[in-house]
Full PDB file with SEQRES, HELIX, SHEET, SSBOND, CRYST1, ORIGX, SCALE, CONECT and MASTER records, all heavy atoms in Angstrom:
SEQRES   1 A   31  HIS ASN LEU ALA LYS ASP LEU GLY ARG ILE GLN VAL PRO          
SEQRES   2 A   31  THR LEU LEU VAL TRP GLY LEU ASN ASP THR ILE THR PRO          
SEQRES   3 A   31  PRO ILE VAL ALA HIS                                          
HELIX    1 AA1 LEU A    7  ARG A    9  5                                   3    
HELIX    2 AA2 PRO A   27  ALA A   30  1                                   4    
CRYST1    1.000    1.000    1.000  90.00  90.00  90.00 P 1           1          
ORIGX1      1.000000  0.000000  0.000000        0.00000                         
ORIGX2      0.000000  1.000000  0.000000        0.00000                         
ORIGX3      0.000000  0.000000  1.000000        0.00000                         
SCALE1      1.000000  0.000000  0.000000        0.00000                         
SCALE2      0.000000  1.000000  0.000000        0.00000                         
SCALE3      0.000000  0.000000  1.000000        0.00000                         
ATOM      1  N   HIS A   1       0.848  -1.167   0.019  1.00  0.00           N  
ATOM      2  CA  HIS A   1       0.031   0.011  -0.022  1.00  0.00           C  
ATOM      3  C   HIS A   1       0.866   1.282  -0.050  1.00  0.00           C  
ATOM      4  O   HIS A   1       0.927   1.938   0.933  1.00  0.00           O  
ATOM      5  CB  HIS A   1      -0.986  -0.056   1.096  1.00  0.00           C  
ATOM      6  CG  HIS A   1      -2.148  -0.984   1.086  1.00  0.00           C  
ATOM      7  ND1 HIS A   1      -1.939  -2.288   1.296  1.00  0.00           N  
ATOM      8  CD2 HIS A   1      -3.404  -0.688   0.544  1.00  0.00           C  
ATOM      9  CE1 HIS A   1      -3.136  -2.792   1.086  1.00  0.00           C  
ATOM     10  NE2 HIS A   1      -3.941  -1.979   0.723  1.00  0.00           N  
ATOM     11  N   ASN A   2       1.483   1.576  -1.177  1.00  0.00           N  
ATOM     12  CA  ASN A   2       2.263   2.697  -1.192  1.00  0.00           C  
ATOM     13  C   ASN A   2       1.366   3.896  -1.558  1.00  0.00           C  
ATOM     14  O   ASN A   2       0.593   3.809  -2.454  1.00  0.00           O  
ATOM     15  CB  ASN A   2       3.390   2.513  -2.250  1.00  0.00           C  
ATOM     16  CG  ASN A   2       4.412   3.664  -2.429  1.00  0.00           C  
ATOM     17  OD1 ASN A   2       3.992   4.790  -2.782  1.00  0.00           O  
ATOM     18  ND2 ASN A   2       5.563   3.308  -2.073  1.00  0.00           N  
ATOM     19  N   LEU A   3       1.600   4.942  -0.839  1.00  0.00           N  
ATOM     20  CA  LEU A   3       0.665   6.125  -0.896  1.00  0.00           C  
ATOM     21  C   LEU A   3       1.239   7.241  -1.604  1.00  0.00           C  
ATOM     22  O   LEU A   3       0.601   8.343  -1.708  1.00  0.00           O  
ATOM     23  CB  LEU A   3       0.430   6.595   0.544  1.00  0.00           C  
ATOM     24  CG  LEU A   3      -0.206   5.596   1.471  1.00  0.00           C  
ATOM     25  CD1 LEU A   3      -0.374   6.088   2.910  1.00  0.00           C  
ATOM     26  CD2 LEU A   3      -1.608   5.114   0.980  1.00  0.00           C  
ATOM     27  N   ALA A   4       2.334   7.122  -2.396  1.00  0.00           N  
ATOM     28  CA  ALA A   4       2.941   8.249  -3.045  1.00  0.00           C  
ATOM     29  C   ALA A   4       1.910   8.972  -3.978  1.00  0.00           C  
ATOM     30  O   ALA A   4       1.847  10.235  -3.931  1.00  0.00           O  
ATOM     31  CB  ALA A   4       4.113   7.737  -3.950  1.00  0.00           C  
ATOM     32  N   LYS A   5       1.130   8.275  -4.623  1.00  0.00           N  
ATOM     33  CA  LYS A   5       0.068   8.950  -5.595  1.00  0.00           C  
ATOM     34  C   LYS A   5      -1.001   9.607  -4.874  1.00  0.00           C  
ATOM     35  O   LYS A   5      -1.766  10.427  -5.397  1.00  0.00           O  
ATOM     36  CB  LYS A   5      -0.529   7.868  -6.515  1.00  0.00           C  
ATOM     37  CG  LYS A   5       0.456   7.333  -7.501  1.00  0.00           C  
ATOM     38  CD  LYS A   5      -0.229   6.464  -8.587  1.00  0.00           C  
ATOM     39  CE  LYS A   5       0.730   5.628  -9.367  1.00  0.00           C  
ATOM     40  NZ  LYS A   5       1.426   4.608  -8.595  1.00  0.00           N  
ATOM     41  N   ASP A   6      -1.277   9.259  -3.587  1.00  0.00           N  
ATOM     42  CA  ASP A   6      -2.402   9.845  -2.902  1.00  0.00           C  
ATOM     43  C   ASP A   6      -2.135  10.916  -1.934  1.00  0.00           C  
ATOM     44  O   ASP A   6      -2.996  11.677  -1.631  1.00  0.00           O  
ATOM     45  CB  ASP A   6      -3.069   8.687  -2.036  1.00  0.00           C  
ATOM     46  CG  ASP A   6      -3.422   7.372  -2.877  1.00  0.00           C  
ATOM     47  OD1 ASP A   6      -4.146   7.671  -3.894  1.00  0.00           O  
ATOM     48  OD2 ASP A   6      -3.021   6.302  -2.596  1.00  0.00           O  
ATOM     49  N   LEU A   7      -0.894  11.117  -1.621  1.00  0.00           N  
ATOM     50  CA  LEU A   7      -0.571  11.981  -0.474  1.00  0.00           C  
ATOM     51  C   LEU A   7      -0.871  13.494  -0.930  1.00  0.00           C  
ATOM     52  O   LEU A   7      -1.141  14.350   0.037  1.00  0.00           O  
ATOM     53  CB  LEU A   7       0.924  11.919  -0.076  1.00  0.00           C  
ATOM     54  CG  LEU A   7       1.327  10.591   0.493  1.00  0.00           C  
ATOM     55  CD1 LEU A   7       2.793  10.544   0.786  1.00  0.00           C  
ATOM     56  CD2 LEU A   7       0.549  10.356   1.873  1.00  0.00           C  
ATOM     57  N   GLY A   8      -0.842  13.796  -2.179  1.00  0.00           N  
ATOM     58  CA  GLY A   8      -1.280  15.166  -2.598  1.00  0.00           C  
ATOM     59  C   GLY A   8      -2.669  15.588  -2.260  1.00  0.00           C  
ATOM     60  O   GLY A   8      -2.995  16.712  -2.261  1.00  0.00           O  
ATOM     61  N   ARG A   9      -3.543  14.479  -1.895  1.00  0.00           N  
ATOM     62  CA  ARG A   9      -4.926  14.754  -1.559  1.00  0.00           C  
ATOM     63  C   ARG A   9      -5.055  15.262  -0.122  1.00  0.00           C  
ATOM     64  O   ARG A   9      -6.045  15.744   0.369  1.00  0.00           O  
ATOM     65  CB  ARG A   9      -5.846  13.632  -1.825  1.00  0.00           C  
ATOM     66  CG  ARG A   9      -5.712  13.182  -3.244  1.00  0.00           C  
ATOM     67  CD  ARG A   9      -6.943  12.229  -3.649  1.00  0.00           C  
ATOM     68  NE  ARG A   9      -7.621  11.588  -2.652  1.00  0.00           N  
ATOM     69  CZ  ARG A   9      -7.546  10.332  -2.331  1.00  0.00           C  
ATOM     70  NH1 ARG A   9      -6.732   9.472  -3.004  1.00  0.00           N  
ATOM     71  NH2 ARG A   9      -8.222   9.685  -1.371  1.00  0.00           N  
ATOM     72  N   ILE A  10      -3.934  15.018   0.650  1.00  0.00           N  
ATOM     73  CA  ILE A  10      -4.142  15.451   2.088  1.00  0.00           C  
ATOM     74  C   ILE A  10      -3.903  16.887   2.283  1.00  0.00           C  
ATOM     75  O   ILE A  10      -2.890  17.457   1.884  1.00  0.00           O  
ATOM     76  CB  ILE A  10      -3.034  14.634   2.924  1.00  0.00           C  
ATOM     77  CG1 ILE A  10      -3.443  13.169   2.965  1.00  0.00           C  
ATOM     78  CG2 ILE A  10      -2.952  15.304   4.355  1.00  0.00           C  
ATOM     79  CD1 ILE A  10      -2.629  12.216   3.681  1.00  0.00           C  
ATOM     80  N   GLN A  11      -4.935  17.569   2.853  1.00  0.00           N  
ATOM     81  CA  GLN A  11      -4.883  19.085   2.931  1.00  0.00           C  
ATOM     82  C   GLN A  11      -4.605  19.508   4.336  1.00  0.00           C  
ATOM     83  O   GLN A  11      -4.371  20.694   4.440  1.00  0.00           O  
ATOM     84  CB  GLN A  11      -6.328  19.566   2.579  1.00  0.00           C  
ATOM     85  CG  GLN A  11      -6.725  19.268   1.059  1.00  0.00           C  
ATOM     86  CD  GLN A  11      -5.782  19.806   0.054  1.00  0.00           C  
ATOM     87  OE1 GLN A  11      -5.386  20.921   0.014  1.00  0.00           O  
ATOM     88  NE2 GLN A  11      -5.309  18.959  -0.875  1.00  0.00           N  
ATOM     89  N   VAL A  12      -4.904  18.758   5.350  1.00  0.00           N  
ATOM     90  CA  VAL A  12      -4.809  19.096   6.675  1.00  0.00           C  
ATOM     91  C   VAL A  12      -3.346  19.531   7.024  1.00  0.00           C  
ATOM     92  O   VAL A  12      -2.442  18.905   6.539  1.00  0.00           O  
ATOM     93  CB  VAL A  12      -5.342  18.045   7.674  1.00  0.00           C  
ATOM     94  CG1 VAL A  12      -6.725  17.854   7.490  1.00  0.00           C  
ATOM     95  CG2 VAL A  12      -4.572  16.847   7.621  1.00  0.00           C  
ATOM     96  N   PRO A  13      -3.131  20.436   8.040  1.00  0.00           N  
ATOM     97  CA  PRO A  13      -1.791  20.738   8.514  1.00  0.00           C  
ATOM     98  C   PRO A  13      -1.136  19.434   8.979  1.00  0.00           C  
ATOM     99  O   PRO A  13      -1.804  18.677   9.776  1.00  0.00           O  
ATOM    100  CB  PRO A  13      -2.082  21.655   9.627  1.00  0.00           C  
ATOM    101  CG  PRO A  13      -3.375  22.196   9.517  1.00  0.00           C  
ATOM    102  CD  PRO A  13      -4.129  21.241   8.780  1.00  0.00           C  
ATOM    103  N   THR A  14       0.057  19.205   8.632  1.00  0.00           N  
ATOM    104  CA  THR A  14       0.753  17.892   8.920  1.00  0.00           C  
ATOM    105  C   THR A  14       2.094  18.300   9.534  1.00  0.00           C  
ATOM    106  O   THR A  14       2.809  18.983   8.929  1.00  0.00           O  
ATOM    107  CB  THR A  14       0.857  17.050   7.589  1.00  0.00           C  
ATOM    108  OG1 THR A  14      -0.496  16.791   7.212  1.00  0.00           O  
ATOM    109  CG2 THR A  14       1.517  15.671   8.009  1.00  0.00           C  
ATOM    110  N   LEU A  15       2.435  17.620  10.630  1.00  0.00           N  
ATOM    111  CA  LEU A  15       3.656  17.687  11.307  1.00  0.00           C  
ATOM    112  C   LEU A  15       4.491  16.364  11.103  1.00  0.00           C  
ATOM    113  O   LEU A  15       3.987  15.323  11.371  1.00  0.00           O  
ATOM    114  CB  LEU A  15       3.565  17.881  12.775  1.00  0.00           C  
ATOM    115  CG  LEU A  15       4.828  18.017  13.598  1.00  0.00           C  
ATOM    116  CD1 LEU A  15       5.716  19.089  13.326  1.00  0.00           C  
ATOM    117  CD2 LEU A  15       4.509  17.975  15.178  1.00  0.00           C  
ATOM    118  N   LEU A  16       5.701  16.492  10.544  1.00  0.00           N  
ATOM    119  CA  LEU A  16       6.469  15.360  10.415  1.00  0.00           C  
ATOM    120  C   LEU A  16       7.708  15.503  11.349  1.00  0.00           C  
ATOM    121  O   LEU A  16       8.531  16.342  11.344  1.00  0.00           O  
ATOM    122  CB  LEU A  16       7.124  15.270   8.991  1.00  0.00           C  
ATOM    123  CG  LEU A  16       6.055  15.264   7.827  1.00  0.00           C  
ATOM    124  CD1 LEU A  16       6.680  15.614   6.506  1.00  0.00           C  
ATOM    125  CD2 LEU A  16       5.358  13.898   7.742  1.00  0.00           C  
ATOM    126  N   VAL A  17       7.842  14.590  12.307  1.00  0.00           N  
ATOM    127  CA  VAL A  17       8.975  14.620  13.246  1.00  0.00           C  
ATOM    128  C   VAL A  17       9.777  13.295  13.087  1.00  0.00           C  
ATOM    129  O   VAL A  17       9.107  12.217  13.280  1.00  0.00           O  
ATOM    130  CB  VAL A  17       8.550  14.681  14.725  1.00  0.00           C  
ATOM    131  CG1 VAL A  17       9.753  14.765  15.666  1.00  0.00           C  
ATOM    132  CG2 VAL A  17       7.695  16.012  14.963  1.00  0.00           C  
ATOM    133  N   TRP A  18      10.944  13.356  12.642  1.00  0.00           N  
ATOM    134  CA  TRP A  18      11.819  12.175  12.245  1.00  0.00           C  
ATOM    135  C   TRP A  18      13.069  12.255  12.918  1.00  0.00           C  
ATOM    136  O   TRP A  18      13.809  13.123  13.252  1.00  0.00           O  
ATOM    137  CB  TRP A  18      11.996  12.391  10.717  1.00  0.00           C  
ATOM    138  CG  TRP A  18      11.597  11.145   9.943  1.00  0.00           C  
ATOM    139  CD1 TRP A  18      12.343  10.182   9.493  1.00  0.00           C  
ATOM    140  CD2 TRP A  18      10.171  10.853   9.485  1.00  0.00           C  
ATOM    141  NE1 TRP A  18      11.505   9.173   8.788  1.00  0.00           N  
ATOM    142  CE2 TRP A  18      10.238   9.719   8.800  1.00  0.00           C  
ATOM    143  CE3 TRP A  18       9.042  11.593   9.598  1.00  0.00           C  
ATOM    144  CZ2 TRP A  18       9.076   9.099   8.220  1.00  0.00           C  
ATOM    145  CZ3 TRP A  18       7.903  11.028   9.101  1.00  0.00           C  
ATOM    146  CH2 TRP A  18       7.903   9.785   8.346  1.00  0.00           C  
ATOM    147  N   GLY A  19      13.442  10.941  13.243  1.00  0.00           N  
ATOM    148  CA  GLY A  19      14.767  10.698  13.766  1.00  0.00           C  
ATOM    149  C   GLY A  19      15.841  10.767  12.670  1.00  0.00           C  
ATOM    150  O   GLY A  19      15.582  10.229  11.584  1.00  0.00           O  
ATOM    151  N   LEU A  20      16.844  11.605  12.879  1.00  0.00           N  
ATOM    152  CA  LEU A  20      17.865  11.739  11.863  1.00  0.00           C  
ATOM    153  C   LEU A  20      18.623  10.506  11.552  1.00  0.00           C  
ATOM    154  O   LEU A  20      19.228  10.335  10.508  1.00  0.00           O  
ATOM    155  CB  LEU A  20      18.820  12.914  12.376  1.00  0.00           C  
ATOM    156  CG  LEU A  20      19.719  13.554  11.384  1.00  0.00           C  
ATOM    157  CD1 LEU A  20      18.942  14.094  10.261  1.00  0.00           C  
ATOM    158  CD2 LEU A  20      20.597  14.714  12.038  1.00  0.00           C  
ATOM    159  N   ASN A  21      18.562   9.579  12.569  1.00  0.00           N  
ATOM    160  CA  ASN A  21      19.351   8.337  12.464  1.00  0.00           C  
ATOM    161  C   ASN A  21      18.314   7.145  12.246  1.00  0.00           C  
ATOM    162  O   ASN A  21      18.751   6.109  12.618  1.00  0.00           O  
ATOM    163  CB  ASN A  21      20.060   8.092  13.725  1.00  0.00           C  
ATOM    164  CG  ASN A  21      20.905   9.355  14.164  1.00  0.00           C  
ATOM    165  OD1 ASN A  21      20.340  10.128  14.968  1.00  0.00           O  
ATOM    166  ND2 ASN A  21      21.961   9.661  13.612  1.00  0.00           N  
ATOM    167  N   ASP A  22      17.189   7.513  11.739  1.00  0.00           N  
ATOM    168  CA  ASP A  22      16.171   6.409  11.497  1.00  0.00           C  
ATOM    169  C   ASP A  22      16.737   5.402  10.421  1.00  0.00           C  
ATOM    170  O   ASP A  22      17.019   5.879   9.256  1.00  0.00           O  
ATOM    171  CB  ASP A  22      14.872   7.019  11.015  1.00  0.00           C  
ATOM    172  CG  ASP A  22      13.661   5.990  11.073  1.00  0.00           C  
ATOM    173  OD1 ASP A  22      13.933   4.868  10.855  1.00  0.00           O  
ATOM    174  OD2 ASP A  22      12.517   6.502  11.194  1.00  0.00           O  
ATOM    175  N   THR A  23      16.819   4.168  10.767  1.00  0.00           N  
ATOM    176  CA  THR A  23      17.250   3.142   9.752  1.00  0.00           C  
ATOM    177  C   THR A  23      16.177   2.448   9.091  1.00  0.00           C  
ATOM    178  O   THR A  23      16.402   1.690   8.161  1.00  0.00           O  
ATOM    179  CB  THR A  23      18.085   2.156  10.603  1.00  0.00           C  
ATOM    180  OG1 THR A  23      17.314   1.790  11.783  1.00  0.00           O  
ATOM    181  CG2 THR A  23      19.506   2.569  11.035  1.00  0.00           C  
ATOM    182  N   ILE A  24      14.991   2.587   9.650  1.00  0.00           N  
ATOM    183  CA  ILE A  24      13.896   1.788   9.103  1.00  0.00           C  
ATOM    184  C   ILE A  24      13.020   2.624   8.044  1.00  0.00           C  
ATOM    185  O   ILE A  24      12.634   2.162   6.992  1.00  0.00           O  
ATOM    186  CB  ILE A  24      12.957   1.359  10.268  1.00  0.00           C  
ATOM    187  CG1 ILE A  24      13.743   0.363  11.076  1.00  0.00           C  
ATOM    188  CG2 ILE A  24      11.613   0.627   9.794  1.00  0.00           C  
ATOM    189  CD1 ILE A  24      13.209   0.005  12.446  1.00  0.00           C  
ATOM    190  N   THR A  25      12.723   3.938   8.384  1.00  0.00           N  
ATOM    191  CA  THR A  25      12.263   4.799   7.396  1.00  0.00           C  
ATOM    192  C   THR A  25      13.228   6.035   7.439  1.00  0.00           C  
ATOM    193  O   THR A  25      13.050   7.013   8.049  1.00  0.00           O  
ATOM    194  CB  THR A  25      10.819   5.311   7.855  1.00  0.00           C  
ATOM    195  OG1 THR A  25      10.845   5.737   9.255  1.00  0.00           O  
ATOM    196  CG2 THR A  25       9.720   4.275   7.635  1.00  0.00           C  
ATOM    197  N   PRO A  26      14.279   5.864   6.559  1.00  0.00           N  
ATOM    198  CA  PRO A  26      15.425   6.780   6.704  1.00  0.00           C  
ATOM    199  C   PRO A  26      14.981   8.263   6.361  1.00  0.00           C  
ATOM    200  O   PRO A  26      13.849   8.489   5.773  1.00  0.00           O  
ATOM    201  CB  PRO A  26      16.343   6.333   5.570  1.00  0.00           C  
ATOM    202  CG  PRO A  26      15.955   4.901   5.287  1.00  0.00           C  
ATOM    203  CD  PRO A  26      14.457   4.851   5.610  1.00  0.00           C  
ATOM    204  N   PRO A  27      15.849   9.242   6.649  1.00  0.00           N  
ATOM    205  CA  PRO A  27      15.493  10.628   6.480  1.00  0.00           C  
ATOM    206  C   PRO A  27      14.968  11.017   5.060  1.00  0.00           C  
ATOM    207  O   PRO A  27      14.079  11.877   4.866  1.00  0.00           O  
ATOM    208  CB  PRO A  27      16.818  11.424   6.821  1.00  0.00           C  
ATOM    209  CG  PRO A  27      17.451  10.517   7.778  1.00  0.00           C  
ATOM    210  CD  PRO A  27      17.175   9.117   7.332  1.00  0.00           C  
ATOM    211  N   ILE A  28      15.441  10.343   4.102  1.00  0.00           N  
ATOM    212  CA  ILE A  28      14.974  10.608   2.719  1.00  0.00           C  
ATOM    213  C   ILE A  28      13.490  10.394   2.594  1.00  0.00           C  
ATOM    214  O   ILE A  28      12.806  11.065   1.821  1.00  0.00           O  
ATOM    215  CB  ILE A  28      15.907   9.755   1.671  1.00  0.00           C  
ATOM    216  CG1 ILE A  28      15.568  10.277   0.247  1.00  0.00           C  
ATOM    217  CG2 ILE A  28      15.568   8.310   1.720  1.00  0.00           C  
ATOM    218  CD1 ILE A  28      16.551   9.866  -0.760  1.00  0.00           C  
ATOM    219  N   VAL A  29      12.977   9.440   3.403  1.00  0.00           N  
ATOM    220  CA  VAL A  29      11.497   9.111   3.322  1.00  0.00           C  
ATOM    221  C   VAL A  29      10.804  10.324   3.950  1.00  0.00           C  
ATOM    222  O   VAL A  29       9.820  10.781   3.359  1.00  0.00           O  
ATOM    223  CB  VAL A  29      11.299   7.843   4.168  1.00  0.00           C  
ATOM    224  CG1 VAL A  29       9.750   7.582   4.230  1.00  0.00           C  
ATOM    225  CG2 VAL A  29      11.951   6.688   3.640  1.00  0.00           C  
ATOM    226  N   ALA A  30      11.381  10.906   4.979  1.00  0.00           N  
ATOM    227  CA  ALA A  30      10.736  12.109   5.561  1.00  0.00           C  
ATOM    228  C   ALA A  30      10.634  13.230   4.636  1.00  0.00           C  
ATOM    229  O   ALA A  30       9.671  13.980   4.500  1.00  0.00           O  
ATOM    230  CB  ALA A  30      11.440  12.575   6.934  1.00  0.00           C  
ATOM    231  N   HIS A  31      11.804  13.397   3.922  1.00  0.00           N  
ATOM    232  CA  HIS A  31      11.834  14.533   2.866  1.00  0.00           C  
ATOM    233  C   HIS A  31      10.743  14.325   1.784  1.00  0.00           C  
ATOM    234  O   HIS A  31      10.053  15.258   1.235  1.00  0.00           O  
ATOM    235  CB  HIS A  31      13.213  14.655   2.247  1.00  0.00           C  
ATOM    236  CG  HIS A  31      14.170  15.237   3.084  1.00  0.00           C  
ATOM    237  ND1 HIS A  31      14.182  16.571   3.477  1.00  0.00           N  
ATOM    238  CD2 HIS A  31      15.303  14.825   3.652  1.00  0.00           C  
ATOM    239  CE1 HIS A  31      15.212  16.895   4.276  1.00  0.00           C  
ATOM    240  NE2 HIS A  31      15.914  15.800   4.350  1.00  0.00           N  
TER     241      HIS A  31                                                      
MASTER        0    0    0    2    0    0    0    6  240    1    0    3          
END                                                                             
């Protein structure tokens, strides 16, 4: 269930807080 095509539909204010050393969903995923 990859959401890349759907995320543009999300309009609500969204906060992303990421571990800089995340090995499971690395920083590039947060970007």
